[in-house]
Amino acid sequence: MPQENLIKLQCGQCKRINYWSRRNKKKVQGPSGKKTEKLELKKFCKWCRKHTAHKEMKK
């Protein structure tokens, strides 16, 4: 599993890292070769005990 595709998803409210995921290589780079915007998903946070927005963060 290539390491450059792994990302951490951090809860927007409590700032804890709850999920690890992978990005598609085509989605990681835009047409100009630069990285696209950060991924944001609505996931369940076991610490907040509700669904919150989880954003991609640096490794």
N, C-alpha and C. Protein backbone atom coordinates (compact mmCIF):
# COMPACT_ATOMS: atom_id res chain seq x y z
N MET A 1 0.85 -1.18 0.00
CA MET A 1 0.00 0.00 0.00
C MET A 1 0.90 1.24 0.00
N PRO A 2 0.81 2.07 -1.04
CA PRO A 2 1.66 3.27 -1.10
C PRO A 2 1.34 4.26 0.01
N GLN A 3 2.38 4.77 0.65
CA GLN A 3 2.22 5.68 1.77
C GLN A 3 1.69 7.05 1.34
N GLU A 4 2.00 7.48 0.12
CA GLU A 4 1.59 8.83 -0.28
C GLU A 4 0.09 8.98 -0.47
N ASN A 5 -0.64 7.87 -0.53
CA ASN A 5 -2.09 7.95 -0.69
C ASN A 5 -2.83 7.95 0.63
N LEU A 6 -2.15 7.63 1.74
CA LEU A 6 -2.81 7.59 3.04
C LEU A 6 -3.04 9.00 3.58
N ILE A 7 -4.23 9.21 4.14
CA ILE A 7 -4.56 10.49 4.76
C ILE A 7 -5.22 10.24 6.11
N LYS A 8 -5.13 11.22 7.00
CA LYS A 8 -5.81 11.16 8.29
C LYS A 8 -7.05 12.04 8.19
N LEU A 9 -8.12 11.61 8.84
CA LEU A 9 -9.34 12.42 8.90
C LEU A 9 -9.53 12.85 10.35
N GLN A 10 -9.57 14.17 10.55
CA GLN A 10 -9.64 14.75 11.88
C GLN A 10 -11.03 15.35 12.11
N CYS A 11 -11.59 15.11 13.29
CA CYS A 11 -12.90 15.66 13.65
C CYS A 11 -12.82 17.18 13.69
N GLY A 12 -13.83 17.84 13.16
CA GLY A 12 -13.85 19.30 13.13
C GLY A 12 -14.14 19.93 14.48
N GLN A 13 -14.74 19.18 15.41
CA GLN A 13 -15.09 19.76 16.71
C GLN A 13 -14.07 19.43 17.79
N CYS A 14 -13.76 18.15 17.99
CA CYS A 14 -12.85 17.78 19.09
C CYS A 14 -11.40 17.66 18.62
N LYS A 15 -11.14 17.73 17.31
CA LYS A 15 -9.80 17.69 16.72
C LYS A 15 -9.07 16.37 16.92
N ARG A 16 -9.79 15.28 17.16
CA ARG A 16 -9.16 13.97 17.30
C ARG A 16 -9.11 13.28 15.95
N ILE A 17 -8.09 12.46 15.75
CA ILE A 17 -7.96 11.69 14.51
C ILE A 17 -8.71 10.39 14.69
N ASN A 18 -9.81 10.24 13.97
CA ASN A 18 -10.68 9.08 14.13
C ASN A 18 -10.58 8.09 12.98
N TYR A 19 -10.19 8.52 11.81
CA TYR A 19 -10.19 7.66 10.63
C TYR A 19 -8.92 7.85 9.81
N TRP A 20 -8.51 6.76 9.14
CA TRP A 20 -7.46 6.78 8.12
C TRP A 20 -8.13 6.37 6.82
N SER A 21 -7.71 6.98 5.73
CA SER A 21 -8.31 6.65 4.45
C SER A 21 -7.25 6.78 3.35
N ARG A 22 -7.63 6.43 2.13
CA ARG A 22 -6.75 6.57 0.98
C ARG A 22 -7.43 7.46 -0.05
N ARG A 23 -6.62 8.21 -0.79
CA ARG A 23 -7.13 9.03 -1.88
C ARG A 23 -6.72 8.43 -3.20
N ASN A 24 -7.56 8.60 -4.19
CA ASN A 24 -7.26 8.18 -5.55
C ASN A 24 -6.15 9.08 -6.09
N LYS A 25 -5.15 8.51 -6.76
CA LYS A 25 -4.04 9.31 -7.28
C LYS A 25 -4.51 10.38 -8.26
N LYS A 26 -5.55 10.08 -9.04
CA LYS A 26 -6.07 11.07 -9.99
C LYS A 26 -6.69 12.25 -9.27
N LYS A 27 -7.28 12.01 -8.09
CA LYS A 27 -7.91 13.08 -7.31
C LYS A 27 -6.88 13.89 -6.54
N VAL A 28 -5.73 13.29 -6.22
CA VAL A 28 -4.70 13.97 -5.43
C VAL A 28 -4.11 15.13 -6.21
N GLN A 29 -3.89 14.94 -7.52
CA GLN A 29 -3.31 16.00 -8.34
C GLN A 29 -4.32 16.51 -9.34
N GLY A 30 -4.40 17.82 -9.43
CA GLY A 30 -5.28 18.45 -10.39
C GLY A 30 -4.63 18.49 -11.76
N PRO A 31 -5.26 19.14 -12.73
CA PRO A 31 -4.72 19.21 -14.09
C PRO A 31 -3.38 19.93 -14.17
N SER A 32 -3.12 20.86 -13.26
CA SER A 32 -1.85 21.60 -13.30
C SER A 32 -0.75 20.87 -12.53
N GLY A 33 -1.05 19.71 -11.94
CA GLY A 33 -0.06 18.95 -11.19
C GLY A 33 -0.02 19.30 -9.72
N LYS A 34 -0.83 20.29 -9.31
CA LYS A 34 -0.86 20.69 -7.90
C LYS A 34 -1.94 19.89 -7.16
N LYS A 35 -1.79 19.80 -5.85
CA LYS A 35 -2.75 19.07 -5.02
C LYS A 35 -4.08 19.82 -5.00
N THR A 36 -5.17 19.06 -5.08
CA THR A 36 -6.50 19.66 -5.04
C THR A 36 -6.89 20.00 -3.61
N GLU A 37 -8.09 20.52 -3.41
CA GLU A 37 -8.55 20.90 -2.07
C GLU A 37 -8.62 19.69 -1.15
N LYS A 38 -8.64 19.96 0.15
CA LYS A 38 -8.65 18.89 1.14
C LYS A 38 -10.01 18.19 1.17
N LEU A 39 -9.94 16.90 1.41
CA LEU A 39 -11.13 16.07 1.47
C LEU A 39 -11.89 16.35 2.77
N GLU A 40 -13.22 16.42 2.69
CA GLU A 40 -14.04 16.61 3.88
C GLU A 40 -15.24 15.66 3.80
N LEU A 41 -15.38 14.82 4.82
CA LEU A 41 -16.46 13.84 4.87
C LEU A 41 -17.22 13.98 6.18
N LYS A 42 -18.50 13.66 6.15
CA LYS A 42 -19.29 13.67 7.37
C LYS A 42 -19.28 12.25 7.93
N LYS A 43 -18.61 12.06 9.07
CA LYS A 43 -18.43 10.74 9.68
C LYS A 43 -18.82 10.80 11.15
N PHE A 44 -19.01 9.63 11.76
CA PHE A 44 -19.36 9.55 13.18
C PHE A 44 -18.09 9.67 14.02
N CYS A 45 -18.12 10.53 15.02
CA CYS A 45 -17.02 10.70 15.97
C CYS A 45 -17.43 10.03 17.28
N LYS A 46 -16.65 9.03 17.70
CA LYS A 46 -17.01 8.31 18.93
C LYS A 46 -16.75 9.14 20.18
N TRP A 47 -15.95 10.19 20.07
CA TRP A 47 -15.66 11.05 21.23
C TRP A 47 -16.75 12.09 21.40
N CYS A 48 -17.23 12.66 20.30
CA CYS A 48 -18.32 13.64 20.36
C CYS A 48 -19.68 12.94 20.42
N ARG A 49 -19.72 11.69 20.01
CA ARG A 49 -20.93 10.87 19.93
C ARG A 49 -21.99 11.46 18.99
N LYS A 50 -21.52 11.98 17.86
CA LYS A 50 -22.43 12.47 16.83
C LYS A 50 -21.70 12.54 15.49
N HIS A 51 -22.45 12.77 14.43
CA HIS A 51 -21.87 12.91 13.10
C HIS A 51 -21.33 14.33 12.95
N THR A 52 -20.06 14.42 12.59
CA THR A 52 -19.41 15.72 12.41
C THR A 52 -18.61 15.70 11.11
N ALA A 53 -18.20 16.87 10.66
CA ALA A 53 -17.35 16.97 9.48
C ALA A 53 -15.93 16.57 9.86
N HIS A 54 -15.36 15.65 9.11
CA HIS A 54 -13.98 15.21 9.31
C HIS A 54 -13.18 15.71 8.11
N LYS A 55 -12.09 16.44 8.38
CA LYS A 55 -11.27 17.01 7.32
C LYS A 55 -9.93 16.29 7.22
N GLU A 56 -9.40 16.28 6.01
CA GLU A 56 -8.09 15.71 5.76
C GLU A 56 -7.03 16.58 6.43
N MET A 57 -6.04 15.94 7.02
CA MET A 57 -4.93 16.69 7.61
C MET A 57 -3.61 16.08 7.18
N LYS A 58 -2.51 16.79 7.45
CA LYS A 58 -1.19 16.31 7.07
C LYS A 58 -0.80 15.07 7.85
N LYS A 59 0.12 14.30 7.27
CA LYS A 59 0.62 13.11 7.97
C LYS A 59 1.54 13.50 9.08
